[in-house]
Amino acid sequence: MPTLRTTLTAALTLAALTTPCLPAHAASSDPWVRGWGNNNLGQLGNGSLVLQPTPGDVQGLARDDVKELSGGGDIDKNTFAVALLKDGTVKSWGANVTGQLGNGTLTAQPFPATVAGLSGVSAVSAGGTHALAVRGGRVLAWGSNAKGQLGNGLTAADPGGVQKTPVEVQSLNKVKDVGAGCDFSAALRQDGTVWTWGEGANGRLGTGDNTVRNTPQKVRDVADIVSISVGCNHVLALTADGMVKSWGKNTEGELGNDSVTDSNVAVDVAHLNGVARISANQYTNFALLDDGSVSAWGWNAFGQLGDTTTVNRTTPVPVDVLQGVTDIVGGYDYTVASLDDGSVVSWGNNATFQLGDGTVTPSARPVQVLPPGSGIAHVATAKTGRSSFAY
């Protein structure tokens, strides 16, 4: 259960529930990936270690070049990011204590640099202390292997416990997407099956037990999956018929099955159908529906679900304050969304400027980060941290 709740919940006052949208902080002509929030480890990629209250440029990273961006770390510790470019190469930046930048060192890097030897990549994902990439249907992994999350048959007790350059995950091919959790990994194969490896506590591997695995295992009773999204300790899987499955940790209701009991096998997320996209975050989840609406569930102590309350939700609830969402993702205790007019909004806690509105005032209603016409279509966060990106 989150450790900061009791000390920070009081910051979300009644006034914050009605905070109006604030002025935007970037011109629509800016071509760069934008970053804001906590930057204690250089995770915003702007060459500094200074907090960023409003969106600033990620150094040398043009948003037109970026296909996918993913942030990792552990509640503002060891925070980093990886970006997949449209030419199939990968850049990384931020902390590097466990080799998660994949550059052959353990040296932090406050600006994006190319991960040597990676080309032809089609998907990436940053986890707590490791990262994943898909190339030619095979999965590559690097960073910490303390719980076997690199899937190469080794663990931290073996040589290669920290892997500073990409290695191939064993016995897994025809993969189309990957998701890195805090200390485990998941892969979606072209045949609609899901495979997991790493830490098994709370049932996050979905294999019917809580055993640590250092090679991929097939998730039980899950088929016809079209996309996956991985939180810190749980997984969401979208089926071909628009339903959502979940498994893993559930202390905050993140499985969405009207309980707070962990599950080591897949369960149905309640009251959801016609889902187009899913987003699993540390303890919160979002579903974008075919009709353009958004539903949310999980931890809500700072109003990060967007339902204008601070009540945890064990089943999905509508987020009525949002319209025209193109992308949505949560950090540790807040949420960011891009809208179809090119604007970006955020809500939730704001202790380290993670809302990007230039204040440290929390808000359970969306505040404006970037104005309409900014050309933004996607957002990303360090899923267990307070650093945000728009591209």
Protein backbone atom coordinates (compact mmCIF):
# COMPACT_ATOMS: atom_id res chain seq x y z
CA MET A 1 0.00 0.00 0.00
CA PRO A 2 1.37 3.47 -0.78
CA THR A 3 3.48 4.84 2.06
CA LEU A 4 2.98 8.53 1.36
CA ARG A 5 -0.80 8.59 1.61
CA THR A 6 -1.15 9.53 5.24
CA THR A 7 1.33 12.40 4.99
CA LEU A 8 0.13 13.87 1.73
CA THR A 9 -3.64 13.30 1.48
CA ALA A 10 -4.35 16.38 3.57
CA ALA A 11 -2.85 18.51 0.80
CA LEU A 12 -5.85 17.84 -1.42
CA THR A 13 -8.29 20.44 -0.10
CA LEU A 14 -11.83 21.26 -1.10
CA ALA A 15 -10.52 24.28 -2.96
CA ALA A 16 -8.39 22.03 -5.12
CA LEU A 17 -11.48 20.14 -6.25
CA THR A 18 -12.61 23.24 -8.13
CA THR A 19 -9.25 24.58 -9.33
CA PRO A 20 -9.77 26.21 -12.76
CA CYS A 21 -7.58 25.60 -15.76
CA LEU A 22 -4.39 27.66 -15.56
CA PRO A 23 -2.55 29.44 -18.38
CA ALA A 24 -0.57 27.30 -20.78
CA HIS A 25 3.21 27.43 -20.73
CA ALA A 26 4.43 26.62 -24.23
CA ALA A 27 3.93 27.91 -27.74
CA SER A 28 2.19 25.69 -30.25
CA SER A 29 5.16 25.99 -32.63
CA ASP A 30 7.59 24.20 -30.28
CA PRO A 31 8.81 21.06 -32.10
CA TRP A 32 10.43 19.26 -29.18
CA VAL A 33 9.34 16.55 -26.80
CA ARG A 34 8.35 18.39 -23.63
CA GLY A 35 9.12 17.34 -20.05
CA TRP A 36 8.18 18.64 -16.60
CA GLY A 37 8.04 17.70 -12.92
CA ASN A 38 10.70 16.00 -10.83
CA ASN A 39 14.18 15.99 -12.35
CA ASN A 40 16.36 14.98 -9.41
CA LEU A 41 18.18 12.38 -11.52
CA GLY A 42 18.16 14.05 -14.92
CA GLN A 43 15.11 12.04 -15.99
CA LEU A 44 13.60 14.97 -17.92
CA GLY A 45 16.53 14.88 -20.34
CA ASN A 46 17.15 18.62 -20.40
CA GLY A 47 20.78 18.45 -19.28
CA SER A 48 20.06 19.56 -15.71
CA LEU A 49 18.98 18.17 -12.33
CA VAL A 50 16.56 21.03 -11.62
CA LEU A 51 12.82 20.65 -11.01
CA GLN A 52 10.81 21.76 -14.03
CA PRO A 53 7.56 23.58 -13.00
CA THR A 54 6.29 23.94 -16.60
CA PRO A 55 7.03 22.04 -19.83
CA GLY A 56 10.59 22.39 -21.10
CA ASP A 57 12.47 20.84 -24.00
CA VAL A 58 13.91 17.34 -23.82
CA GLN A 59 17.35 18.01 -25.24
CA GLY A 60 17.57 17.37 -28.98
CA LEU A 61 14.51 15.09 -29.11
CA ALA A 62 12.00 16.20 -31.74
CA ARG A 63 8.53 14.82 -31.22
CA ASP A 64 8.11 14.08 -34.92
CA ASP A 65 10.96 11.59 -34.57
CA VAL A 66 9.49 9.71 -31.59
CA LYS A 67 7.30 6.65 -32.00
CA GLU A 68 7.04 5.70 -28.30
CA LEU A 69 8.34 7.07 -25.00
CA SER A 70 8.34 5.22 -21.66
CA GLY A 71 9.44 6.31 -18.19
CA GLY A 72 10.66 4.07 -15.37
CA GLY A 73 12.09 4.17 -11.87
CA ASP A 74 10.96 3.58 -8.31
CA ILE A 75 9.00 6.47 -6.72
CA ASP A 76 11.48 9.12 -7.87
CA LYS A 77 14.46 6.84 -7.22
CA ASN A 78 16.55 5.53 -10.10
CA THR A 79 14.16 7.31 -12.50
CA PHE A 80 14.92 7.12 -16.23
CA ALA A 81 13.30 7.12 -19.65
CA VAL A 82 13.65 5.42 -23.01
CA ALA A 83 12.39 6.64 -26.38
CA LEU A 84 11.88 4.58 -29.52
CA LEU A 85 12.46 6.64 -32.64
CA LYS A 86 10.64 6.09 -35.90
CA ASP A 87 13.89 4.92 -37.49
CA GLY A 88 13.99 1.93 -35.10
CA THR A 89 16.76 3.24 -32.83
CA VAL A 90 16.42 3.86 -29.08
CA LYS A 91 17.57 6.73 -26.86
CA SER A 92 17.79 6.66 -23.06
CA TRP A 93 18.48 9.13 -20.25
CA GLY A 94 18.26 9.65 -16.48
CA ALA A 95 19.51 7.47 -13.62
CA ASN A 96 21.59 4.40 -14.37
CA VAL A 97 22.33 2.67 -11.05
CA THR A 98 21.31 -0.73 -12.44
CA GLY A 99 22.44 -0.24 -16.03
CA GLN A 100 18.92 0.57 -17.17
CA LEU A 101 20.16 3.05 -19.81
CA GLY A 102 21.69 0.13 -21.70
CA ASN A 103 24.81 2.10 -22.60
CA GLY A 104 27.36 -0.23 -21.05
CA THR A 105 27.93 1.91 -17.96
CA LEU A 106 26.40 2.68 -14.57
CA THR A 107 26.77 6.43 -15.09
CA ALA A 108 23.70 8.69 -15.04
CA GLN A 109 22.99 10.75 -18.14
CA PRO A 110 20.77 13.91 -18.02
CA PHE A 111 20.20 14.05 -21.78
CA PRO A 112 19.09 11.53 -24.43
CA ALA A 113 21.76 9.41 -26.09
CA THR A 114 21.47 6.49 -28.48
CA VAL A 115 21.62 2.97 -27.04
CA ALA A 116 24.44 1.44 -29.05
CA GLY A 117 23.67 -1.69 -31.02
CA LEU A 118 19.89 -1.27 -30.99
CA SER A 119 18.23 -0.89 -34.38
CA GLY A 120 15.13 -2.28 -36.03
CA VAL A 121 13.23 -1.94 -32.74
CA SER A 122 9.41 -1.89 -32.86
CA ALA A 123 8.44 -1.41 -29.18
CA VAL A 124 10.02 -0.37 -25.86
CA SER A 125 9.02 -0.23 -22.19
CA ALA A 126 10.75 1.11 -19.06
CA GLY A 127 10.23 -0.66 -15.73
CA GLY A 128 11.31 -0.06 -12.17
CA THR A 129 14.99 -0.82 -12.76
CA HIS A 130 15.07 -2.44 -16.20
CA ALA A 131 13.93 -1.90 -19.77
CA LEU A 132 12.61 -4.01 -22.64
CA ALA A 133 12.62 -3.74 -26.43
CA VAL A 134 11.17 -5.80 -29.30
CA ARG A 135 13.29 -6.42 -32.38
CA GLY A 136 12.30 -8.84 -35.11
CA GLY A 137 9.77 -10.50 -32.81
CA ARG A 138 12.37 -11.22 -30.13
CA VAL A 139 12.61 -9.43 -26.77
CA LEU A 140 15.75 -7.69 -25.56
CA ALA A 141 16.22 -6.67 -21.93
CA TRP A 142 18.72 -4.73 -19.83
CA GLY A 143 19.16 -3.31 -16.33
CA SER A 144 18.52 -5.04 -13.00
CA ASN A 145 17.95 -8.78 -12.94
CA ALA A 146 17.38 -9.05 -9.19
CA LYS A 147 14.14 -10.98 -9.71
CA GLY A 148 14.89 -12.58 -13.07
CA GLN A 149 13.04 -9.78 -14.91
CA LEU A 150 15.50 -9.90 -17.81
CA GLY A 151 14.26 -13.38 -18.69
CA ASN A 152 17.70 -14.71 -19.61
CA GLY A 153 17.70 -17.65 -17.19
CA LEU A 154 19.81 -15.82 -14.62
CA THR A 155 19.08 -13.84 -11.44
CA ALA A 156 21.02 -11.35 -9.32
CA ALA A 157 22.83 -14.25 -7.64
CA ASP A 158 24.35 -15.22 -10.99
CA PRO A 159 26.82 -13.42 -13.24
CA GLY A 160 24.88 -10.75 -15.10
CA GLY A 161 22.70 -9.71 -12.16
CA VAL A 162 23.06 -6.18 -13.51
CA GLN A 163 23.06 -6.13 -17.30
CA LYS A 164 24.44 -2.89 -18.76
CA THR A 165 23.71 -3.74 -22.40
CA PRO A 166 20.73 -5.49 -24.04
CA VAL A 167 20.50 -9.29 -23.84
CA GLU A 168 17.97 -11.58 -25.47
CA VAL A 169 15.08 -13.01 -23.44
CA GLN A 170 15.04 -16.80 -23.68
CA SER A 171 12.67 -18.91 -25.78
CA LEU A 172 10.26 -16.19 -26.88
CA ASN A 173 9.53 -15.19 -30.48
CA LYS A 174 6.82 -13.59 -32.59
CA VAL A 175 6.35 -10.89 -29.93
CA LYS A 176 4.55 -7.69 -30.92
CA ASP A 177 4.55 -5.73 -27.64
CA VAL A 178 6.13 -5.68 -24.19
CA GLY A 179 5.48 -4.12 -20.78
CA ALA A 180 7.96 -3.69 -17.95
CA GLY A 181 6.67 -3.62 -14.37
CA CYS A 182 8.55 -2.64 -11.25
CA ASP A 183 10.40 -5.99 -11.10
CA PHE A 184 8.78 -8.22 -13.73
CA SER A 185 8.11 -8.26 -17.45
CA ALA A 186 5.31 -9.18 -19.85
CA ALA A 187 5.16 -9.83 -23.58
CA LEU A 188 2.25 -10.13 -26.01
CA ARG A 189 2.80 -12.60 -28.84
CA GLN A 190 1.25 -12.34 -32.28
CA ASP A 191 -0.99 -15.33 -31.48
CA GLY A 192 -2.76 -13.35 -28.72
CA THR A 193 -1.09 -15.10 -25.79
CA VAL A 194 0.70 -13.28 -22.96
CA TRP A 195 3.97 -14.39 -21.38
CA THR A 196 5.52 -13.11 -18.14
CA TRP A 197 8.71 -13.46 -16.09
CA GLY A 198 10.43 -11.98 -13.02
CA GLU A 199 9.00 -11.36 -9.54
CA GLY A 200 5.87 -13.43 -8.90
CA ALA A 201 4.64 -11.91 -5.61
CA ASN A 202 0.95 -10.92 -5.50
CA GLY A 203 0.35 -13.11 -8.55
CA ARG A 204 1.66 -10.49 -10.97
CA LEU A 205 2.87 -13.16 -13.43
CA GLY A 206 -0.65 -14.60 -13.82
CA THR A 207 0.66 -18.15 -13.80
CA GLY A 208 -1.46 -19.46 -10.93
CA ASP A 209 1.25 -19.12 -8.28
CA ASN A 210 3.54 -16.47 -6.77
CA THR A 211 6.84 -18.00 -7.87
CA VAL A 212 9.76 -15.97 -9.22
CA ARG A 213 10.54 -16.97 -12.82
CA ASN A 214 13.72 -16.12 -14.74
CA THR A 215 12.39 -17.31 -18.10
CA PRO A 216 9.04 -16.57 -19.80
CA GLN A 217 5.93 -18.46 -18.69
CA LYS A 218 2.53 -18.42 -20.40
CA VAL A 219 -0.26 -16.60 -18.53
CA ARG A 220 -3.08 -19.00 -17.69
CA ASP A 221 -6.50 -18.85 -19.34
CA VAL A 222 -5.77 -15.73 -21.40
CA ALA A 223 -6.27 -15.73 -25.18
CA ASP A 224 -7.14 -13.42 -28.09
CA ILE A 225 -5.37 -10.50 -26.46
CA VAL A 226 -4.75 -7.47 -28.69
CA SER A 227 -2.85 -5.23 -26.27
CA ILE A 228 -1.34 -5.23 -22.79
CA SER A 229 -0.47 -2.53 -20.28
CA VAL A 230 1.70 -3.20 -17.23
CA GLY A 231 1.52 -1.38 -13.91
CA CYS A 232 4.00 -1.64 -11.08
CA ASN A 233 2.67 -4.98 -9.76
CA HIS A 234 -0.29 -5.83 -11.99
CA VAL A 235 -1.21 -6.29 -15.66
CA LEU A 236 -4.16 -5.32 -17.85
CA ALA A 237 -4.93 -7.19 -21.08
CA LEU A 238 -7.43 -6.06 -23.72
CA THR A 239 -9.27 -8.83 -25.56
CA ALA A 240 -10.28 -8.82 -29.22
CA ASP A 241 -13.93 -8.31 -28.22
CA GLY A 242 -13.22 -5.16 -26.20
CA MET A 243 -13.18 -6.67 -22.70
CA VAL A 244 -10.36 -6.26 -20.15
CA LYS A 245 -8.60 -8.93 -18.06
CA SER A 246 -6.34 -8.21 -15.08
CA TRP A 247 -4.11 -10.00 -12.59
CA GLY A 248 -1.61 -9.27 -9.81
CA LYS A 249 -1.65 -6.93 -6.84
CA ASN A 250 -5.05 -5.52 -5.85
CA THR A 251 -4.69 -3.73 -2.51
CA GLU A 252 -5.96 -0.47 -4.05
CA GLY A 253 -8.60 -2.07 -6.28
CA GLU A 254 -6.34 -1.95 -9.33
CA LEU A 255 -7.74 -5.21 -10.75
CA GLY A 256 -11.17 -3.60 -11.09
CA ASN A 257 -13.09 -6.72 -10.06
CA ASP A 258 -14.89 -5.23 -7.03
CA SER A 259 -12.39 -6.58 -4.52
CA VAL A 260 -9.05 -5.79 -2.91
CA THR A 261 -7.77 -9.37 -3.09
CA ASP A 262 -4.69 -10.18 -5.16
CA SER A 263 -5.13 -12.67 -8.00
CA ASN A 264 -2.49 -14.94 -9.57
CA VAL A 265 -4.83 -15.78 -12.44
CA ALA A 266 -6.65 -13.46 -14.83
CA VAL A 267 -9.97 -11.97 -13.69
CA ASP A 268 -12.49 -9.83 -15.56
CA VAL A 269 -12.48 -6.08 -15.00
CA ALA A 270 -16.11 -5.36 -14.12
CA HIS A 271 -18.57 -3.20 -16.06
CA LEU A 272 -16.30 -2.66 -19.06
CA ASN A 273 -16.97 -3.39 -22.72
CA GLY A 274 -16.27 -1.64 -25.97
CA VAL A 275 -12.77 -0.73 -24.80
CA ALA A 276 -10.40 0.69 -27.40
CA ARG A 277 -7.26 1.30 -25.28
CA ILE A 278 -5.98 0.53 -21.79
CA SER A 279 -3.47 2.23 -19.50
CA ALA A 280 -2.11 0.54 -16.35
CA ASN A 281 -0.10 2.72 -13.99
CA GLN A 282 1.35 2.19 -10.51
CA TYR A 283 -1.95 1.76 -8.65
CA THR A 284 -4.42 3.34 -11.11
CA ASN A 285 -5.90 2.32 -14.46
CA PHE A 286 -7.73 3.95 -17.35
CA ALA A 287 -9.79 2.60 -20.24
CA LEU A 288 -10.57 4.63 -23.35
CA LEU A 289 -13.86 3.40 -24.77
CA ASP A 290 -15.04 3.19 -28.36
CA ASP A 291 -17.50 6.03 -27.76
CA GLY A 292 -14.67 8.39 -26.73
CA SER A 293 -15.38 8.27 -23.01
CA VAL A 294 -12.89 7.33 -20.25
CA SER A 295 -13.31 5.04 -17.23
CA ALA A 296 -10.91 4.76 -14.29
CA TRP A 297 -10.30 2.60 -11.23
CA GLY A 298 -7.78 1.98 -8.44
CA TRP A 299 -6.01 4.30 -5.98
CA ASN A 300 -7.49 7.79 -5.77
CA ALA A 301 -6.15 9.50 -2.62
CA PHE A 302 -5.17 12.61 -4.60
CA GLY A 303 -8.06 12.61 -7.06
CA GLN A 304 -5.85 11.12 -9.76
CA LEU A 305 -8.71 9.06 -11.23
CA GLY A 306 -10.41 12.26 -12.37
CA ASP A 307 -13.86 11.49 -10.95
CA THR A 308 -13.56 14.61 -8.70
CA THR A 309 -13.43 12.48 -5.53
CA THR A 310 -10.60 11.08 -3.43
CA VAL A 311 -12.25 7.68 -2.96
CA ASN A 312 -10.53 4.50 -4.19
CA ARG A 313 -12.52 2.68 -6.86
CA THR A 314 -12.54 -1.12 -7.06
CA THR A 315 -14.54 -1.07 -10.29
CA PRO A 316 -14.36 1.37 -13.22
CA VAL A 317 -16.15 4.73 -12.91
CA PRO A 318 -16.74 7.31 -15.67
CA VAL A 319 -14.38 10.27 -15.89
CA ASP A 320 -16.97 12.82 -16.97
CA VAL A 321 -14.64 15.85 -16.85
CA LEU A 322 -12.67 14.57 -19.87
CA GLN A 323 -13.58 14.76 -23.55
CA GLY A 324 -11.61 14.03 -26.69
CA VAL A 325 -8.80 12.08 -25.00
CA THR A 326 -6.12 10.76 -27.36
CA ASP A 327 -3.75 9.39 -24.69
CA ILE A 328 -3.80 9.07 -20.91
CA VAL A 329 -1.24 7.83 -18.38
CA GLY A 330 -0.70 8.03 -14.64
CA GLY A 331 2.40 8.67 -12.59
CA TYR A 332 2.75 7.79 -8.91
CA ASP A 333 -0.03 10.08 -7.64
CA TYR A 334 -1.29 12.08 -10.63
CA THR A 335 -2.48 11.72 -14.23
CA VAL A 336 -1.72 13.37 -17.58
CA ALA A 337 -3.84 13.28 -20.75
CA SER A 338 -3.53 14.62 -24.28
CA LEU A 339 -6.69 15.81 -26.04
CA ASP A 340 -7.73 15.83 -29.68
CA ASP A 341 -7.27 19.61 -29.93
CA GLY A 342 -3.54 19.19 -29.28
CA SER A 343 -3.71 20.32 -25.66
CA VAL A 344 -2.44 18.54 -22.54
CA VAL A 345 -4.12 18.48 -19.12
CA SER A 346 -3.21 16.94 -15.77
CA TRP A 347 -4.68 16.40 -12.30
CA GLY A 348 -3.86 14.86 -8.91
CA ASN A 349 -1.02 15.61 -6.50
CA ASN A 350 1.50 18.31 -7.37
CA ALA A 351 4.26 18.25 -4.73
CA THR A 352 7.11 18.35 -7.27
CA PHE A 353 5.43 20.30 -10.12
CA GLN A 354 4.24 17.08 -11.74
CA LEU A 355 1.06 18.76 -12.99
CA GLY A 356 3.20 21.14 -15.04
CA ASP A 357 1.08 24.24 -14.37
CA GLY A 358 3.82 26.14 -12.57
CA THR A 359 2.39 25.57 -9.09
CA VAL A 360 2.55 22.96 -6.34
CA THR A 361 -1.22 23.12 -5.83
CA PRO A 362 -2.94 19.74 -6.17
CA SER A 363 -6.14 19.47 -8.19
CA ALA A 364 -8.72 16.75 -8.64
CA ARG A 365 -9.92 18.51 -11.81
CA PRO A 366 -7.84 18.88 -14.97
CA VAL A 367 -5.54 21.90 -15.24
CA GLN A 368 -4.03 22.96 -18.53
CA VAL A 369 -0.37 22.12 -19.17
CA LEU A 370 -0.11 22.84 -22.91
CA PRO A 371 -2.64 24.79 -25.01
CA PRO A 372 -4.75 23.65 -27.96
CA GLY A 373 -2.72 23.51 -31.15
CA SER A 374 0.45 22.32 -29.44
CA GLY A 375 0.69 19.39 -31.83
CA ILE A 376 0.79 16.89 -28.98
CA ALA A 377 -0.81 13.47 -29.47
CA HIS A 378 0.88 11.37 -26.77
CA VAL A 379 1.89 11.61 -23.12
CA ALA A 380 4.10 9.52 -20.85
CA THR A 381 5.19 9.48 -17.21
CA ALA A 382 7.57 7.66 -14.96
CA LYS A 383 4.82 5.28 -13.89
CA THR A 384 6.09 5.10 -10.31
CA GLY A 385 7.40 8.67 -10.22
CA ARG A 386 6.51 12.31 -10.79
CA SER A 387 8.11 13.14 -14.14
CA SER A 388 6.02 13.74 -17.28
CA PHE A 389 6.46 13.97 -21.04
CA ALA A 390 4.35 15.14 -23.99
CA TYR A 391 5.14 14.38 -27.62
